[in-house]
């Protein structure tokens, strides 16, 4: 039997940003229970601070939020050269309407990088787990 210290098992860390606290609690419970470390915030202004204080593996973004939308946060991450995978979690398929030229350009130039995905609400937790693992793998580097 091989003993591995906690320091040697790097747990993958996720930040979820949504203006609905109940949704954030659900994400946190589900993903923590799966073995990920999850940070949550309803305030998009806190994203930079959380990024500075933690080495994150994934950012989950709601699109429609009152102070700053998910697209704006995504563009800030890109400007800061953050190569973090991003999972947009939205109840608004219209957010990705091809009628919106700006969204079309983002999709063609930014989202199609293999590092970005979309999950539409409502969804089953298994679908959330599939999307997260598709972007960053299992909860720890050792696949535990």
C-alpha atoms as a PDB file:
ATOM      1  CA  UNK A   1       0.000   0.000   0.000  1.00  0.00           C
ATOM      2  CA  UNK A   2       1.323   3.414  -0.990  1.00  0.00           C
ATOM      3  CA  UNK A   3       0.666   6.290   1.394  1.00  0.00           C
ATOM      4  CA  UNK A   4       0.207   9.685  -0.195  1.00  0.00           C
ATOM      5  CA  UNK A   5       0.153  12.886   1.824  1.00  0.00           C
ATOM      6  CA  UNK A   6      -2.508  15.538   1.279  1.00  0.00           C
ATOM      7  CA  UNK A   7       0.109  17.843  -0.214  1.00  0.00           C
ATOM      8  CA  UNK A   8       0.876  15.266  -2.898  1.00  0.00           C
ATOM      9  CA  UNK A   9      -2.757  14.980  -3.939  1.00  0.00           C
ATOM     10  CA  UNK A  10      -3.607  18.200  -5.706  1.00  0.00           C
ATOM     11  CA  UNK A  11      -7.351  18.689  -5.444  1.00  0.00           C
ATOM     12  CA  UNK A  12      -8.782  20.556  -8.408  1.00  0.00           C
ATOM     13  CA  UNK A  13     -10.292  23.922  -7.506  1.00  0.00           C
ATOM     14  CA  UNK A  14     -13.336  25.520  -9.078  1.00  0.00           C
ATOM     15  CA  UNK A  15     -14.803  29.016  -8.814  1.00  0.00           C
ATOM     16  CA  UNK A  16     -18.530  29.345  -9.518  1.00  0.00           C
ATOM     17  CA  UNK A  17     -20.014  32.805 -10.121  1.00  0.00           C
ATOM     18  CA  UNK A  18     -23.797  33.201 -10.179  1.00  0.00           C
ATOM     19  CA  UNK A  19     -26.215  35.810  -8.861  1.00  0.00           C
ATOM     20  CA  UNK A  20     -28.415  33.063  -7.362  1.00  0.00           C
ATOM     21  CA  UNK A  21     -27.065  31.959  -3.983  1.00  0.00           C
ATOM     22  CA  UNK A  22     -29.230  28.798  -3.931  1.00  0.00           C
ATOM     23  CA  UNK A  23     -27.686  27.630  -7.210  1.00  0.00           C
ATOM     24  CA  UNK A  24     -24.208  28.303  -5.864  1.00  0.00           C
ATOM     25  CA  UNK A  25     -24.917  26.249  -2.717  1.00  0.00           C
ATOM     26  CA  UNK A  26     -26.158  23.401  -4.908  1.00  0.00           C
ATOM     27  CA  UNK A  27     -23.014  23.521  -7.086  1.00  0.00           C
ATOM     28  CA  UNK A  28     -20.791  23.692  -4.014  1.00  0.00           C
ATOM     29  CA  UNK A  29     -22.457  20.712  -2.293  1.00  0.00           C
ATOM     30  CA  UNK A  30     -22.480  18.584  -5.433  1.00  0.00           C
ATOM     31  CA  UNK A  31     -18.923  19.314  -6.544  1.00  0.00           C
ATOM     32  CA  UNK A  32     -17.435  19.256  -3.028  1.00  0.00           C
ATOM     33  CA  UNK A  33     -19.147  15.878  -2.573  1.00  0.00           C
ATOM     34  CA  UNK A  34     -17.480  14.723  -5.778  1.00  0.00           C
ATOM     35  CA  UNK A  35     -14.062  15.688  -4.382  1.00  0.00           C
ATOM     36  CA  UNK A  36     -13.453  19.131  -5.884  1.00  0.00           C
ATOM     37  CA  UNK A  37     -12.750  22.255  -3.819  1.00  0.00           C
ATOM     38  CA  UNK A  38     -15.356  24.852  -4.772  1.00  0.00           C
ATOM     39  CA  UNK A  39     -15.323  28.594  -4.165  1.00  0.00           C
ATOM     40  CA  UNK A  40     -18.518  30.530  -4.815  1.00  0.00           C
ATOM     41  CA  UNK A  41     -19.508  34.157  -5.137  1.00  0.00           C
ATOM     42  CA  UNK A  42     -22.562  36.134  -6.153  1.00  0.00           C
ATOM     43  CA  UNK A  43     -20.394  39.217  -6.675  1.00  0.00           C
ATOM     44  CA  UNK A  44     -18.438  39.347  -9.955  1.00  0.00           C
ATOM     45  CA  UNK A  45     -16.172  41.994  -8.382  1.00  0.00           C
ATOM     46  CA  UNK A  46     -14.747  39.260  -6.108  1.00  0.00           C
ATOM     47  CA  UNK A  47     -13.506  37.126  -9.006  1.00  0.00           C
ATOM     48  CA  UNK A  48     -10.111  38.858  -9.271  1.00  0.00           C
ATOM     49  CA  UNK A  49      -9.459  38.533  -5.529  1.00  0.00           C
ATOM     50  CA  UNK A  50     -10.374  34.833  -5.500  1.00  0.00           C
ATOM     51  CA  UNK A  51      -8.120  34.260  -8.528  1.00  0.00           C
ATOM     52  CA  UNK A  52      -5.217  36.034  -6.809  1.00  0.00           C
ATOM     53  CA  UNK A  53      -5.594  34.010  -3.612  1.00  0.00           C
ATOM     54  CA  UNK A  54      -6.142  30.569  -5.151  1.00  0.00           C
ATOM     55  CA  UNK A  55      -4.709  28.478  -7.944  1.00  0.00           C
ATOM     56  CA  UNK A  56      -7.912  27.586  -9.761  1.00  0.00           C
ATOM     57  CA  UNK A  57      -8.503  24.905 -12.378  1.00  0.00           C
ATOM     58  CA  UNK A  58     -11.929  26.014 -13.662  1.00  0.00           C
ATOM     59  CA  UNK A  59     -14.275  28.992 -13.571  1.00  0.00           C
ATOM     60  CA  UNK A  60     -18.031  28.403 -13.891  1.00  0.00           C
ATOM     61  CA  UNK A  61     -19.919  31.504 -15.017  1.00  0.00           C
ATOM     62  CA  UNK A  62     -23.575  32.384 -15.148  1.00  0.00           C
ATOM     63  CA  UNK A  63     -24.256  34.696 -18.067  1.00  0.00           C
ATOM     64  CA  UNK A  64     -27.022  37.013 -16.894  1.00  0.00           C
ATOM     65  CA  UNK A  65     -25.956  38.745 -13.687  1.00  0.00           C
ATOM     66  CA  UNK A  66     -26.882  42.280 -12.622  1.00  0.00           C
ATOM     67  CA  UNK A  67     -23.456  43.851 -12.002  1.00  0.00           C
ATOM     68  CA  UNK A  68     -21.368  42.170 -14.681  1.00  0.00           C
ATOM     69  CA  UNK A  69     -22.316  39.377 -17.029  1.00  0.00           C
ATOM     70  CA  UNK A  70     -20.433  36.145 -17.638  1.00  0.00           C
ATOM     71  CA  UNK A  71     -19.190  37.284 -21.048  1.00  0.00           C
ATOM     72  CA  UNK A  72     -17.562  40.349 -19.464  1.00  0.00           C
ATOM     73  CA  UNK A  73     -15.865  38.220 -16.800  1.00  0.00           C
ATOM     74  CA  UNK A  74     -14.708  35.798 -19.509  1.00  0.00           C
ATOM     75  CA  UNK A  75     -13.178  38.651 -21.511  1.00  0.00           C
ATOM     76  CA  UNK A  76     -11.427  39.973 -18.385  1.00  0.00           C
ATOM     77  CA  UNK A  77      -9.904  36.537 -17.781  1.00  0.00           C
ATOM     78  CA  UNK A  78      -8.626  36.505 -21.360  1.00  0.00           C
ATOM     79  CA  UNK A  79      -7.188  40.041 -21.026  1.00  0.00           C
ATOM     80  CA  UNK A  80      -5.394  38.947 -17.846  1.00  0.00           C
ATOM     81  CA  UNK A  81      -3.918  36.028 -19.792  1.00  0.00           C
ATOM     82  CA  UNK A  82      -5.736  33.556 -17.553  1.00  0.00           C
ATOM     83  CA  UNK A  83      -5.860  30.324 -19.525  1.00  0.00           C
ATOM     84  CA  UNK A  84      -8.426  28.811 -17.210  1.00  0.00           C
ATOM     85  CA  UNK A  85     -11.093  26.551 -18.620  1.00  0.00           C
ATOM     86  CA  UNK A  86     -14.515  28.199 -18.428  1.00  0.00           C
ATOM     87  CA  UNK A  87     -17.894  26.499 -18.135  1.00  0.00           C
ATOM     88  CA  UNK A  88     -20.804  28.808 -18.867  1.00  0.00           C
ATOM     89  CA  UNK A  89     -23.845  27.645 -16.897  1.00  0.00           C
ATOM     90  CA  UNK A  90     -26.965  29.398 -18.091  1.00  0.00           C
ATOM     91  CA  UNK A  91     -30.732  29.145 -18.262  1.00  0.00           C
ATOM     92  CA  UNK A  92     -30.679  31.397 -21.279  1.00  0.00           C
ATOM     93  CA  UNK A  93     -29.945  29.611 -24.551  1.00  0.00           C
ATOM     94  CA  UNK A  94     -30.659  32.974 -26.183  1.00  0.00           C
ATOM     95  CA  UNK A  95     -27.393  34.145 -24.630  1.00  0.00           C
ATOM     96  CA  UNK A  96     -25.690  32.205 -27.380  1.00  0.00           C
ATOM     97  CA  UNK A  97     -28.007  33.344 -30.163  1.00  0.00           C
ATOM     98  CA  UNK A  98     -26.193  33.585 -33.447  1.00  0.00           C
ATOM     99  CA  UNK A  99     -28.216  36.745 -34.123  1.00  0.00           C
ATOM    100  CA  UNK A 100     -25.941  38.586 -31.723  1.00  0.00           C
ATOM    101  CA  UNK A 101     -22.803  39.407 -33.698  1.00  0.00           C
ATOM    102  CA  UNK A 102     -20.691  39.926 -30.573  1.00  0.00           C
ATOM    103  CA  UNK A 103     -21.573  36.473 -29.238  1.00  0.00           C
ATOM    104  CA  UNK A 104     -20.951  34.931 -32.657  1.00  0.00           C
ATOM    105  CA  UNK A 105     -17.490  36.506 -32.752  1.00  0.00           C
ATOM    106  CA  UNK A 106     -16.756  35.328 -29.204  1.00  0.00           C
ATOM    107  CA  UNK A 107     -17.851  31.815 -30.128  1.00  0.00           C
ATOM    108  CA  UNK A 108     -15.722  31.700 -33.270  1.00  0.00           C
ATOM    109  CA  UNK A 109     -12.658  33.370 -31.789  1.00  0.00           C
ATOM    110  CA  UNK A 110     -12.670  32.572 -28.087  1.00  0.00           C
ATOM    111  CA  UNK A 111     -15.038  29.770 -27.108  1.00  0.00           C
ATOM    112  CA  UNK A 112     -13.936  27.296 -29.773  1.00  0.00           C
ATOM    113  CA  UNK A 113     -10.623  26.749 -28.008  1.00  0.00           C
ATOM    114  CA  UNK A 114     -11.484  23.392 -26.415  1.00  0.00           C
ATOM    115  CA  UNK A 115     -11.152  25.138 -23.071  1.00  0.00           C
ATOM    116  CA  UNK A 116     -14.702  26.492 -22.940  1.00  0.00           C
ATOM    117  CA  UNK A 117     -18.065  24.742 -22.704  1.00  0.00           C
ATOM    118  CA  UNK A 118     -21.732  25.492 -22.007  1.00  0.00           C
ATOM    119  CA  UNK A 119     -24.216  23.782 -19.684  1.00  0.00           C
ATOM    120  CA  UNK A 120     -27.850  24.799 -19.963  1.00  0.00           C
ATOM    121  CA  UNK A 121     -30.092  24.943 -16.887  1.00  0.00           C
ATOM    122  CA  UNK A 122     -31.941  22.877 -15.853  1.00  0.00           C
ATOM    123  CA  UNK A 123     -29.640  19.856 -15.923  1.00  0.00           C
ATOM    124  CA  UNK A 124     -28.958  16.631 -14.056  1.00  0.00           C
ATOM    125  CA  UNK A 125     -25.928  16.550 -11.765  1.00  0.00           C
ATOM    126  CA  UNK A 126     -24.350  13.794 -13.861  1.00  0.00           C
ATOM    127  CA  UNK A 127     -24.286  16.226 -16.796  1.00  0.00           C
ATOM    128  CA  UNK A 128     -22.548  18.832 -14.620  1.00  0.00           C
ATOM    129  CA  UNK A 129     -19.950  16.251 -13.578  1.00  0.00           C
ATOM    130  CA  UNK A 130     -19.407  15.236 -17.223  1.00  0.00           C
ATOM    131  CA  UNK A 131     -18.836  18.838 -18.296  1.00  0.00           C
ATOM    132  CA  UNK A 132     -16.468  19.611 -15.412  1.00  0.00           C
ATOM    133  CA  UNK A 133     -14.468  16.404 -15.873  1.00  0.00           C
ATOM    134  CA  UNK A 134     -14.380  17.001 -19.632  1.00  0.00           C
ATOM    135  CA  UNK A 135     -12.669  20.340 -19.042  1.00  0.00           C
ATOM    136  CA  UNK A 136     -10.357  19.576 -16.081  1.00  0.00           C
ATOM    137  CA  UNK A 137     -10.467  15.863 -15.360  1.00  0.00           C
ATOM    138  CA  UNK A 138     -11.280  14.068 -12.104  1.00  0.00           C
ATOM    139  CA  UNK A 139     -11.227  15.857  -8.718  1.00  0.00           C
ATOM    140  CA  UNK A 140      -7.545  15.160  -8.005  1.00  0.00           C
ATOM    141  CA  UNK A 141      -4.453  14.731 -10.128  1.00  0.00           C
ATOM    142  CA  UNK A 142      -4.353  11.083  -9.047  1.00  0.00           C
ATOM    143  CA  UNK A 143      -7.894  10.504 -10.308  1.00  0.00           C
ATOM    144  CA  UNK A 144      -9.219   9.782  -6.833  1.00  0.00           C
END
